[in-house]
Amino acid sequence: MPREAEAREWWADVYEVRERIERRRAGESSAQQRPVAGRRGVREVRTAPRLSVVPHEHRRDAGDRRRRPRPRPSERIGPRPDRIAAWAVALGLLMLVLAILSSAH
């Protein structure tokens, strides 16, 4: 199938989806005018209050702020398999060198 035909087919799908969305929105706007108390599966959507920027002077005092606890050493280092593998290889080479040196009399 040529690219033009694919593009036309794709745009037809896009327009179909767009029309469905517009019909749904039109239905929602008319449904908002009617009471929906008796309908199942319908819930009221509330918008969240907007966040506002608080200037630095109006923030709480520095003494009131809680500090996060320092992470424990195990949390700071964390699981690092590449580092563990590197230590294993280094210790294996060290043991090999010690075995060679101890066997040569």
PDB file of N, CA and C in Angstrom:
ATOM      1  N   MET A   1       0.849  -1.172   0.000  1.00  0.00           N
ATOM      2  CA  MET A   1       0.000   0.000   0.000  1.00  0.00           C
ATOM      3  C   MET A   1       0.894   1.235   0.000  1.00  0.00           C
ATOM      4  N   PRO A   2       0.655   2.167  -0.910  1.00  0.00           N
ATOM      5  CA  PRO A   2       1.479   3.374  -0.965  1.00  0.00           C
ATOM      6  C   PRO A   2       1.300   4.207   0.298  1.00  0.00           C
ATOM      7  N   ARG A   3       2.271   5.076   0.523  1.00  0.00           N
ATOM      8  CA  ARG A   3       2.258   5.903   1.730  1.00  0.00           C
ATOM      9  C   ARG A   3       1.073   6.862   1.757  1.00  0.00           C
ATOM     10  N   GLU A   4       0.665   7.374   0.607  1.00  0.00           N
ATOM     11  CA  GLU A   4      -0.462   8.314   0.577  1.00  0.00           C
ATOM     12  C   GLU A   4      -1.737   7.642   1.054  1.00  0.00           C
ATOM     13  N   ALA A   5      -1.939   6.405   0.627  1.00  0.00           N
ATOM     14  CA  ALA A   5      -3.141   5.677   1.041  1.00  0.00           C
ATOM     15  C   ALA A   5      -3.101   5.408   2.549  1.00  0.00           C
ATOM     16  N   GLU A   6      -1.916   5.064   3.051  1.00  0.00           N
ATOM     17  CA  GLU A   6      -1.769   4.854   4.501  1.00  0.00           C
ATOM     18  C   GLU A   6      -2.067   6.133   5.253  1.00  0.00           C
ATOM     19  N   ALA A   7      -1.573   7.245   4.739  1.00  0.00           N
ATOM     20  CA  ALA A   7      -1.794   8.530   5.398  1.00  0.00           C
ATOM     21  C   ALA A   7      -3.286   8.875   5.403  1.00  0.00           C
ATOM     22  N   ARG A   8      -3.967   8.667   4.281  1.00  0.00           N
ATOM     23  CA  ARG A   8      -5.397   8.957   4.219  1.00  0.00           C
ATOM     24  C   ARG A   8      -6.175   8.087   5.203  1.00  0.00           C
ATOM     25  N   GLU A   9      -5.803   6.812   5.266  1.00  0.00           N
ATOM     26  CA  GLU A   9      -6.467   5.893   6.181  1.00  0.00           C
ATOM     27  C   GLU A   9      -6.248   6.326   7.631  1.00  0.00           C
ATOM     28  N   TRP A  10      -5.019   6.746   7.928  1.00  0.00           N
ATOM     29  CA  TRP A  10      -4.691   7.194   9.281  1.00  0.00           C
ATOM     30  C   TRP A  10      -5.498   8.438   9.647  1.00  0.00           C
ATOM     31  N   TRP A  11      -5.556   9.404   8.711  1.00  0.00           N
ATOM     32  CA  TRP A  11      -6.305  10.635   8.995  1.00  0.00           C
ATOM     33  C   TRP A  11      -7.790  10.347   9.148  1.00  0.00           C
ATOM     34  N   ALA A  12      -8.312   9.371   8.412  1.00  0.00           N
ATOM     35  CA  ALA A  12      -9.723   9.008   8.564  1.00  0.00           C
ATOM     36  C   ALA A  12      -9.976   8.496   9.979  1.00  0.00           C
ATOM     37  N   ASP A  13      -9.043   7.671  10.487  1.00  0.00           N
ATOM     38  CA  ASP A  13      -9.170   7.185  11.863  1.00  0.00           C
ATOM     39  C   ASP A  13      -9.105   8.331  12.857  1.00  0.00           C
ATOM     40  N   VAL A  14      -8.200   9.275  12.622  1.00  0.00           N
ATOM     41  CA  VAL A  14      -8.054  10.413  13.525  1.00  0.00           C
ATOM     42  C   VAL A  14      -9.338  11.221  13.567  1.00  0.00           C
ATOM     43  N   TYR A  15      -9.911  11.505  12.399  1.00  0.00           N
ATOM     44  CA  TYR A  15     -11.149  12.283  12.361  1.00  0.00           C
ATOM     45  C   TYR A  15     -12.298  11.538  13.037  1.00  0.00           C
ATOM     46  N   GLU A  16     -12.340  10.223  12.870  1.00  0.00           N
ATOM     47  CA  GLU A  16     -13.389   9.430  13.508  1.00  0.00           C
ATOM     48  C   GLU A  16     -13.274   9.518  15.026  1.00  0.00           C
ATOM     49  N   VAL A  17     -12.068   9.382  15.532  1.00  0.00           N
ATOM     50  CA  VAL A  17     -11.855   9.488  16.980  1.00  0.00           C
ATOM     51  C   VAL A  17     -12.199  10.886  17.466  1.00  0.00           C
ATOM     52  N   ARG A  18     -11.810  11.899  16.703  1.00  0.00           N
ATOM     53  CA  ARG A  18     -12.099  13.283  17.073  1.00  0.00           C
ATOM     54  C   ARG A  18     -13.606  13.532  17.145  1.00  0.00           C
ATOM     55  N   GLU A  19     -14.332  13.007  16.178  1.00  0.00           N
ATOM     56  CA  GLU A  19     -15.785  13.176  16.180  1.00  0.00           C
ATOM     57  C   GLU A  19     -16.415  12.498  17.387  1.00  0.00           C
ATOM     58  N   ARG A  20     -15.931  11.303  17.753  1.00  0.00           N
ATOM     59  CA  ARG A  20     -16.459  10.619  18.928  1.00  0.00           C
ATOM     60  C   ARG A  20     -16.206  11.427  20.195  1.00  0.00           C
ATOM     61  N   ILE A  21     -15.007  11.997  20.301  1.00  0.00           N
ATOM     62  CA  ILE A  21     -14.674  12.806  21.472  1.00  0.00           C
ATOM     63  C   ILE A  21     -15.570  14.036  21.541  1.00  0.00           C
ATOM     64  N   GLU A  22     -15.765  14.693  20.403  1.00  0.00           N
ATOM     65  CA  GLU A  22     -16.618  15.885  20.395  1.00  0.00           C
ATOM     66  C   GLU A  22     -18.057  15.540  20.748  1.00  0.00           C
ATOM     67  N   ARG A  23     -18.563  14.397  20.258  1.00  0.00           N
ATOM     68  CA  ARG A  23     -19.922  13.984  20.616  1.00  0.00           C
ATOM     69  C   ARG A  23     -20.022  13.706  22.111  1.00  0.00           C
ATOM     70  N   ARG A  24     -19.003  13.051  22.664  1.00  0.00           N
ATOM     71  CA  ARG A  24     -18.995  12.747  24.092  1.00  0.00           C
ATOM     72  C   ARG A  24     -18.965  14.040  24.914  1.00  0.00           C
ATOM     73  N   ARG A  25     -18.128  14.986  24.498  1.00  0.00           N
ATOM     74  CA  ARG A  25     -18.063  16.266  25.213  1.00  0.00           C
ATOM     75  C   ARG A  25     -19.387  17.011  25.127  1.00  0.00           C
ATOM     76  N   ALA A  26     -20.016  16.972  23.973  1.00  0.00           N
ATOM     77  CA  ALA A  26     -21.318  17.626  23.830  1.00  0.00           C
ATOM     78  C   ALA A  26     -22.334  16.951  24.745  1.00  0.00           C
ATOM     79  N   GLY A  27     -22.294  15.641  24.843  1.00  0.00           N
ATOM     80  CA  GLY A  27     -23.195  14.911  25.738  1.00  0.00           C
ATOM     81  C   GLY A  27     -22.913  15.233  27.193  1.00  0.00           C
ATOM     82  N   GLU A  28     -21.629  15.382  27.542  1.00  0.00           N
ATOM     83  CA  GLU A  28     -21.272  15.714  28.917  1.00  0.00           C
ATOM     84  C   GLU A  28     -21.751  17.111  29.281  1.00  0.00           C
ATOM     85  N   SER A  29     -21.621  18.050  28.346  1.00  0.00           N
ATOM     86  CA  SER A  29     -22.046  19.412  28.663  1.00  0.00           C
ATOM     87  C   SER A  29     -23.553  19.475  28.852  1.00  0.00           C
ATOM     88  N   SER A  30     -24.315  18.697  28.068  1.00  0.00           N
ATOM     89  CA  SER A  30     -25.763  18.689  28.266  1.00  0.00           C
ATOM     90  C   SER A  30     -26.120  17.895  29.520  1.00  0.00           C
ATOM     91  N   ALA A  31     -25.316  16.880  29.854  1.00  0.00           N
ATOM     92  CA  ALA A  31     -25.572  16.092  31.060  1.00  0.00           C
ATOM     93  C   ALA A  31     -25.255  16.892  32.315  1.00  0.00           C
ATOM     94  N   GLN A  32     -24.350  17.840  32.231  1.00  0.00           N
ATOM     95  CA  GLN A  32     -24.016  18.656  33.396  1.00  0.00           C
ATOM     96  C   GLN A  32     -25.176  19.555  33.778  1.00  0.00           C
ATOM     97  N   GLN A  33     -26.008  19.883  32.823  1.00  0.00           N
ATOM     98  CA  GLN A  33     -27.141  20.736  33.111  1.00  0.00           C
ATOM     99  C   GLN A  33     -28.259  19.944  33.799  1.00  0.00           C
ATOM    100  N   ARG A  34     -28.321  18.637  33.554  1.00  0.00           N
ATOM    101  CA  ARG A  34     -29.332  17.795  34.182  1.00  0.00           C
ATOM    102  C   ARG A  34     -28.787  17.232  35.490  1.00  0.00           C
ATOM    103  N   PRO A  35     -29.638  16.937  36.466  1.00  0.00           N
ATOM    104  CA  PRO A  35     -29.153  16.304  37.703  1.00  0.00           C
ATOM    105  C   PRO A  35     -28.708  14.872  37.408  1.00  0.00           C
ATOM    106  N   VAL A  36     -27.617  14.448  38.052  1.00  0.00           N
ATOM    107  CA  VAL A  36     -27.061  13.119  37.799  1.00  0.00           C
ATOM    108  C   VAL A  36     -27.088  12.255  39.042  1.00  0.00           C
ATOM    109  N   ALA A  37     -27.917  12.589  40.002  1.00  0.00           N
ATOM    110  CA  ALA A  37     -27.917  11.870  41.271  1.00  0.00           C
ATOM    111  C   ALA A  37     -28.320  10.408  41.096  1.00  0.00           C
ATOM    112  N   GLY A  38     -29.238  10.121  40.173  1.00  0.00           N
ATOM    113  CA  GLY A  38     -29.731   8.761  40.027  1.00  0.00           C
ATOM    114  C   GLY A  38     -28.894   7.886  39.119  1.00  0.00           C
ATOM    115  N   ARG A  39     -27.915   8.438  38.418  1.00  0.00           N
ATOM    116  CA  ARG A  39     -27.130   7.648  37.461  1.00  0.00           C
ATOM    117  C   ARG A  39     -26.009   6.919  38.173  1.00  0.00           C
ATOM    118  N   ARG A  40     -25.837   5.654  37.808  1.00  0.00           N
ATOM    119  CA  ARG A  40     -24.748   4.867  38.400  1.00  0.00           C
ATOM    120  C   ARG A  40     -23.473   5.094  37.626  1.00  0.00           C
ATOM    121  N   GLY A  41     -22.340   5.027  38.313  1.00  0.00           N
ATOM    122  CA  GLY A  41     -21.037   5.135  37.676  1.00  0.00           C
ATOM    123  C   GLY A  41     -20.650   6.555  37.324  1.00  0.00           C
ATOM    124  N   VAL A  42     -21.434   7.530  37.746  1.00  0.00           N
ATOM    125  CA  VAL A  42     -21.103   8.916  37.460  1.00  0.00           C
ATOM    126  C   VAL A  42     -20.603   9.545  38.742  1.00  0.00           C
ATOM    127  N   ARG A  43     -19.460  10.181  38.669  1.00  0.00           N
ATOM    128  CA  ARG A  43     -18.950  10.848  39.862  1.00  0.00           C
ATOM    129  C   ARG A  43     -18.620  12.281  39.520  1.00  0.00           C
ATOM    130  N   GLU A  44     -18.655  13.083  40.520  1.00  0.00           N
ATOM    131  CA  GLU A  44     -18.385  14.497  40.325  1.00  0.00           C
ATOM    132  C   GLU A  44     -16.880  14.717  40.302  1.00  0.00           C
ATOM    133  N   VAL A  45     -16.425  15.452  39.342  1.00  0.00           N
ATOM    134  CA  VAL A  45     -15.003  15.740  39.222  1.00  0.00           C
ATOM    135  C   VAL A  45     -14.766  17.148  39.731  1.00  0.00           C
ATOM    136  N   ARG A  46     -13.919  17.257  40.746  1.00  0.00           N
ATOM    137  CA  ARG A  46     -13.609  18.565  41.304  1.00  0.00           C
ATOM    138  C   ARG A  46     -12.186  18.937  40.926  1.00  0.00           C
ATOM    139  N   THR A  47     -11.975  20.187  40.666  1.00  0.00           N
ATOM    140  CA  THR A  47     -10.625  20.634  40.345  1.00  0.00           C
ATOM    141  C   THR A  47      -9.879  20.923  41.628  1.00  0.00           C
ATOM    142  N   ALA A  48      -8.603  20.658  41.614  1.00  0.00           N
ATOM    143  CA  ALA A  48      -7.769  20.905  42.788  1.00  0.00           C
ATOM    144  C   ALA A  48      -7.474  22.396  42.902  1.00  0.00           C
ATOM    145  N   PRO A  49      -7.315  22.885  44.119  1.00  0.00           N
ATOM    146  CA  PRO A  49      -6.972  24.299  44.261  1.00  0.00           C
ATOM    147  C   PRO A  49      -5.578  24.556  43.696  1.00  0.00           C
ATOM    148  N   ARG A  50      -5.390  25.721  43.161  1.00  0.00           N
ATOM    149  CA  ARG A  50      -4.093  26.051  42.570  1.00  0.00           C
ATOM    150  C   ARG A  50      -3.054  26.261  43.660  1.00  0.00           C
ATOM    151  N   LEU A  51      -1.852  25.836  43.368  1.00  0.00           N
ATOM    152  CA  LEU A  51      -0.743  26.070  44.286  1.00  0.00           C
ATOM    153  C   LEU A  51      -0.225  27.480  44.080  1.00  0.00           C
ATOM    154  N   SER A  52       0.182  28.104  45.148  1.00  0.00           N
ATOM    155  CA  SER A  52       0.706  29.457  45.016  1.00  0.00           C
ATOM    156  C   SER A  52       2.135  29.494  45.530  1.00  0.00           C
ATOM    157  N   VAL A  53       2.898  30.407  45.002  1.00  0.00           N
ATOM    158  CA  VAL A  53       4.296  30.564  45.394  1.00  0.00           C
ATOM    159  C   VAL A  53       4.330  31.420  46.650  1.00  0.00           C
ATOM    160  N   VAL A  54       5.036  30.929  47.671  1.00  0.00           N
ATOM    161  CA  VAL A  54       5.152  31.670  48.916  1.00  0.00           C
ATOM    162  C   VAL A  54       6.509  32.351  48.931  1.00  0.00           C
ATOM    163  N   PRO A  55       6.553  33.672  49.077  1.00  0.00           N
ATOM    164  CA  PRO A  55       7.845  34.349  49.123  1.00  0.00           C
ATOM    165  C   PRO A  55       8.686  33.848  50.290  1.00  0.00           C
ATOM    166  N   HIS A  56       9.976  33.978  50.174  1.00  0.00           N
ATOM    167  CA  HIS A  56      10.913  33.454  51.160  1.00  0.00           C
ATOM    168  C   HIS A  56      10.687  34.060  52.541  1.00  0.00           C
ATOM    169  N   GLU A  57      10.301  35.326  52.613  1.00  0.00           N
ATOM    170  CA  GLU A  57      10.137  35.990  53.902  1.00  0.00           C
ATOM    171  C   GLU A  57       8.971  35.400  54.687  1.00  0.00           C
ATOM    172  N   HIS A  58       7.968  34.860  53.988  1.00  0.00           N
ATOM    173  CA  HIS A  58       6.773  34.381  54.653  1.00  0.00           C
ATOM    174  C   HIS A  58       6.821  32.904  54.995  1.00  0.00           C
ATOM    175  N   ARG A  59       7.904  32.267  54.703  1.00  0.00           N
ATOM    176  CA  ARG A  59       8.019  30.857  55.043  1.00  0.00           C
ATOM    177  C   ARG A  59       8.190  30.710  56.544  1.00  0.00           C
ATOM    178  N   ARG A  60       8.051  29.473  57.007  1.00  0.00           N
ATOM    179  CA  ARG A  60       8.235  29.228  58.436  1.00  0.00           C
ATOM    180  C   ARG A  60       9.670  29.540  58.842  1.00  0.00           C
ATOM    181  N   ASP A  61       9.868  29.775  60.098  1.00  0.00           N
ATOM    182  CA  ASP A  61      11.221  30.046  60.596  1.00  0.00           C
ATOM    183  C   ASP A  61      12.090  28.828  60.358  1.00  0.00           C
ATOM    184  N   ALA A  62      13.391  29.062  60.285  1.00  0.00           N
ATOM    185  CA  ALA A  62      14.324  27.969  60.001  1.00  0.00           C
ATOM    186  C   ALA A  62      14.297  26.929  61.112  1.00  0.00           C
ATOM    187  N   GLY A  63      14.037  27.344  62.339  1.00  0.00           N
ATOM    188  CA  GLY A  63      13.995  26.402  63.452  1.00  0.00           C
ATOM    189  C   GLY A  63      12.796  25.487  63.397  1.00  0.00           C
ATOM    190  N   ASP A  64      11.726  25.900  62.732  1.00  0.00           N
ATOM    191  CA  ASP A  64      10.513  25.091  62.646  1.00  0.00           C
ATOM    192  C   ASP A  64      10.620  23.986  61.611  1.00  0.00           C
ATOM    193  N   ARG A  65      11.507  24.154  60.673  1.00  0.00           N
ATOM    194  CA  ARG A  65      11.602  23.156  59.598  1.00  0.00           C
ATOM    195  C   ARG A  65      12.188  21.857  60.113  1.00  0.00           C
ATOM    196  N   ARG A  66      11.600  20.777  59.670  1.00  0.00           N
ATOM    197  CA  ARG A  66      12.154  19.473  60.018  1.00  0.00           C
ATOM    198  C   ARG A  66      13.210  19.101  58.996  1.00  0.00           C
ATOM    199  N   ARG A  67      14.275  18.531  59.474  1.00  0.00           N
ATOM    200  CA  ARG A  67      15.318  18.063  58.566  1.00  0.00           C
ATOM    201  C   ARG A  67      15.116  16.583  58.326  1.00  0.00           C
ATOM    202  N   ARG A  68      15.413  16.178  57.132  1.00  0.00           N
ATOM    203  CA  ARG A  68      15.335  14.762  56.825  1.00  0.00           C
ATOM    204  C   ARG A  68      16.465  14.042  57.536  1.00  0.00           C
ATOM    205  N   PRO A  69      16.211  12.850  58.048  1.00  0.00           N
ATOM    206  CA  PRO A  69      17.302  12.115  58.691  1.00  0.00           C
ATOM    207  C   PRO A  69      18.340  11.701  57.650  1.00  0.00           C
ATOM    208  N   ARG A  70      19.577  11.686  58.093  1.00  0.00           N
ATOM    209  CA  ARG A  70      20.649  11.281  57.178  1.00  0.00           C
ATOM    210  C   ARG A  70      20.481   9.822  56.807  1.00  0.00           C
ATOM    211  N   PRO A  71      20.733   9.480  55.575  1.00  0.00           N
ATOM    212  CA  PRO A  71      20.614   8.069  55.190  1.00  0.00           C
ATOM    213  C   PRO A  71      21.713   7.231  55.844  1.00  0.00           C
ATOM    214  N   ARG A  72      21.360   5.999  56.151  1.00  0.00           N
ATOM    215  CA  ARG A  72      22.345   5.092  56.740  1.00  0.00           C
ATOM    216  C   ARG A  72      23.404   4.737  55.699  1.00  0.00           C
ATOM    217  N   PRO A  73      24.579   4.317  56.158  1.00  0.00           N
ATOM    218  CA  PRO A  73      25.636   3.967  55.185  1.00  0.00           C
ATOM    219  C   PRO A  73      25.189   2.920  54.172  1.00  0.00           C
ATOM    220  N   SER A  74      24.408   1.961  54.612  1.00  0.00           N
ATOM    221  CA  SER A  74      23.951   0.931  53.671  1.00  0.00           C
ATOM    222  C   SER A  74      23.017   1.537  52.622  1.00  0.00           C
ATOM    223  N   GLU A  75      22.242   2.567  53.006  1.00  0.00           N
ATOM    224  CA  GLU A  75      21.368   3.229  52.045  1.00  0.00           C
ATOM    225  C   GLU A  75      22.159   4.117  51.103  1.00  0.00           C
ATOM    226  N   ARG A  76      23.223   4.743  51.632  1.00  0.00           N
ATOM    227  CA  ARG A  76      24.032   5.606  50.762  1.00  0.00           C
ATOM    228  C   ARG A  76      24.776   4.793  49.714  1.00  0.00           C
ATOM    229  N   ILE A  77      25.361   3.685  50.138  1.00  0.00           N
ATOM    230  CA  ILE A  77      26.129   2.858  49.203  1.00  0.00           C
ATOM    231  C   ILE A  77      25.167   2.096  48.290  1.00  0.00           C
ATOM    232  N   GLY A  78      24.190   1.461  48.901  1.00  0.00           N
ATOM    233  CA  GLY A  78      23.183   0.753  48.125  1.00  0.00           C
ATOM    234  C   GLY A  78      23.733  -0.509  47.485  1.00  0.00           C
ATOM    235  N   PRO A  79      22.871  -1.283  46.890  1.00  0.00           N
ATOM    236  CA  PRO A  79      23.318  -2.499  46.214  1.00  0.00           C
ATOM    237  C   PRO A  79      23.969  -2.153  44.878  1.00  0.00           C
ATOM    238  N   ARG A  80      25.230  -2.417  44.784  1.00  0.00           N
ATOM    239  CA  ARG A  80      25.955  -2.158  43.530  1.00  0.00           C
ATOM    240  C   ARG A  80      26.597  -3.461  43.071  1.00  0.00           C
ATOM    241  N   PRO A  81      25.919  -4.208  42.245  1.00  0.00           N
ATOM    242  CA  PRO A  81      26.450  -5.510  41.832  1.00  0.00           C
ATOM    243  C   PRO A  81      27.745  -5.404  41.051  1.00  0.00           C
ATOM    244  N   ASP A  82      27.935  -4.321  40.301  1.00  0.00           N
ATOM    245  CA  ASP A  82      29.184  -4.199  39.553  1.00  0.00           C
ATOM    246  C   ASP A  82      30.377  -4.040  40.497  1.00  0.00           C
ATOM    247  N   ARG A  83      30.187  -3.310  41.589  1.00  0.00           N
ATOM    248  CA  ARG A  83      31.278  -3.135  42.555  1.00  0.00           C
ATOM    249  C   ARG A  83      31.558  -4.440  43.292  1.00  0.00           C
ATOM    250  N   ILE A  84      30.498  -5.179  43.630  1.00  0.00           N
ATOM    251  CA  ILE A  84      30.667  -6.468  44.307  1.00  0.00           C
ATOM    252  C   ILE A  84      31.399  -7.443  43.388  1.00  0.00           C
ATOM    253  N   ALA A  85      31.045  -7.454  42.108  1.00  0.00           N
ATOM    254  CA  ALA A  85      31.713  -8.341  41.151  1.00  0.00           C
ATOM    255  C   ALA A  85      33.180  -7.955  40.992  1.00  0.00           C
ATOM    256  N   ALA A  86      33.476  -6.665  40.980  1.00  0.00           N
ATOM    257  CA  ALA A  86      34.870  -6.231  40.854  1.00  0.00           C
ATOM    258  C   ALA A  86      35.690  -6.690  42.058  1.00  0.00           C
ATOM    259  N   TRP A  87      35.117  -6.585  43.269  1.00  0.00           N
ATOM    260  CA  TRP A  87      35.826  -7.068  44.462  1.00  0.00           C
ATOM    261  C   TRP A  87      36.044  -8.569  44.388  1.00  0.00           C
ATOM    262  N   ALA A  88      35.070  -9.310  43.911  1.00  0.00           N
ATOM    263  CA  ALA A  88      35.200 -10.765  43.809  1.00  0.00           C
ATOM    264  C   ALA A  88      36.326 -11.137  42.839  1.00  0.00           C
ATOM    265  N   VAL A  89      36.383 -10.444  41.711  1.00  0.00           N
ATOM    266  CA  VAL A  89      37.456 -10.719  40.741  1.00  0.00           C
ATOM    267  C   VAL A  89      38.807 -10.364  41.336  1.00  0.00           C
ATOM    268  N   ALA A  90      38.915  -9.230  42.017  1.00  0.00           N
ATOM    269  CA  ALA A  90      40.193  -8.814  42.620  1.00  0.00           C
ATOM    270  C   ALA A  90      40.641  -9.810  43.685  1.00  0.00           C
ATOM    271  N   LEU A  91      39.732 -10.256  44.529  1.00  0.00           N
ATOM    272  CA  LEU A  91      40.109 -11.238  45.556  1.00  0.00           C
ATOM    273  C   LEU A  91      40.485 -12.579  44.935  1.00  0.00           C
ATOM    274  N   GLY A  92      39.790 -12.960  43.861  1.00  0.00           N
ATOM    275  CA  GLY A  92      40.146 -14.202  43.176  1.00  0.00           C
ATOM    276  C   GLY A  92      41.546 -14.135  42.588  1.00  0.00           C
ATOM    277  N   LEU A  93      41.897 -13.001  41.972  1.00  0.00           N
ATOM    278  CA  LEU A  93      43.254 -12.843  41.426  1.00  0.00           C
ATOM    279  C   LEU A  93      44.301 -12.844  42.549  1.00  0.00           C
ATOM    280  N   LEU A  94      43.971 -12.199  43.669  1.00  0.00           N
ATOM    281  CA  LEU A  94      44.901 -12.184  44.803  1.00  0.00           C
ATOM    282  C   LEU A  94      45.129 -13.601  45.326  1.00  0.00           C
ATOM    283  N   MET A  95      44.051 -14.380  45.442  1.00  0.00           N
ATOM    284  CA  MET A  95      44.201 -15.766  45.896  1.00  0.00           C
ATOM    285  C   MET A  95      45.010 -16.583  44.901  1.00  0.00           C
ATOM    286  N   LEU A  96      44.857 -16.328  43.606  1.00  0.00           N
ATOM    287  CA  LEU A  96      45.629 -17.048  42.593  1.00  0.00           C
ATOM    288  C   LEU A  96      47.118 -16.725  42.719  1.00  0.00           C
ATOM    289  N   VAL A  97      47.430 -15.438  42.908  1.00  0.00           N
ATOM    290  CA  VAL A  97      48.831 -15.027  43.068  1.00  0.00           C
ATOM    291  C   VAL A  97      49.422 -15.644  44.334  1.00  0.00           C
ATOM    292  N   LEU A  98      48.674 -15.634  45.424  1.00  0.00           N
ATOM    293  CA  LEU A  98      49.173 -16.247  46.674  1.00  0.00           C
ATOM    294  C   LEU A  98      49.385 -17.733  46.502  1.00  0.00           C
ATOM    295  N   ALA A  99      48.495 -18.419  45.780  1.00  0.00           N
ATOM    296  CA  ALA A  99      48.659 -19.869  45.560  1.00  0.00           C
ATOM    297  C   ALA A  99      49.900 -20.161  44.732  1.00  0.00           C
ATOM    298  N   ILE A 100      50.166 -19.342  43.716  1.00  0.00           N
ATOM    299  CA  ILE A 100      51.363 -19.527  42.881  1.00  0.00           C
ATOM    300  C   ILE A 100      52.628 -19.280  43.698  1.00  0.00           C
ATOM    301  N   LEU A 101      52.625 -18.216  44.489  1.00  0.00           N
ATOM    302  CA  LEU A 101      53.812 -17.883  45.296  1.00  0.00           C
ATOM    303  C   LEU A 101      54.064 -18.911  46.392  1.00  0.00           C
ATOM    304  N   SER A 102      53.028 -19.463  46.974  1.00  0.00           N
ATOM    305  CA  SER A 102      53.206 -20.410  48.069  1.00  0.00           C
ATOM    306  C   SER A 102      53.616 -21.798  47.555  1.00  0.00           C
ATOM    307  N   SER A 103      53.258 -22.142  46.314  1.00  0.00           N
ATOM    308  CA  SER A 103      53.614 -23.471  45.797  1.00  0.00           C
ATOM    309  C   SER A 103      55.051 -23.501  45.281  1.00  0.00           C
ATOM    310  N   ALA A 104      55.646 -22.381  44.907  1.00  0.00           N
ATOM    311  CA  ALA A 104      57.014 -22.357  44.371  1.00  0.00           C
ATOM    312  C   ALA A 104      57.997 -22.335  45.543  1.00  0.00           C
ATOM    313  N   HIS A 105      58.717 -23.442  45.759  1.00  0.00           N
ATOM    314  CA  HIS A 105      59.706 -23.534  46.825  1.00  0.00           C
ATOM    315  C   HIS A 105      61.061 -23.285  46.308  1.00  0.00           C
TER     316      HIS A 105
END
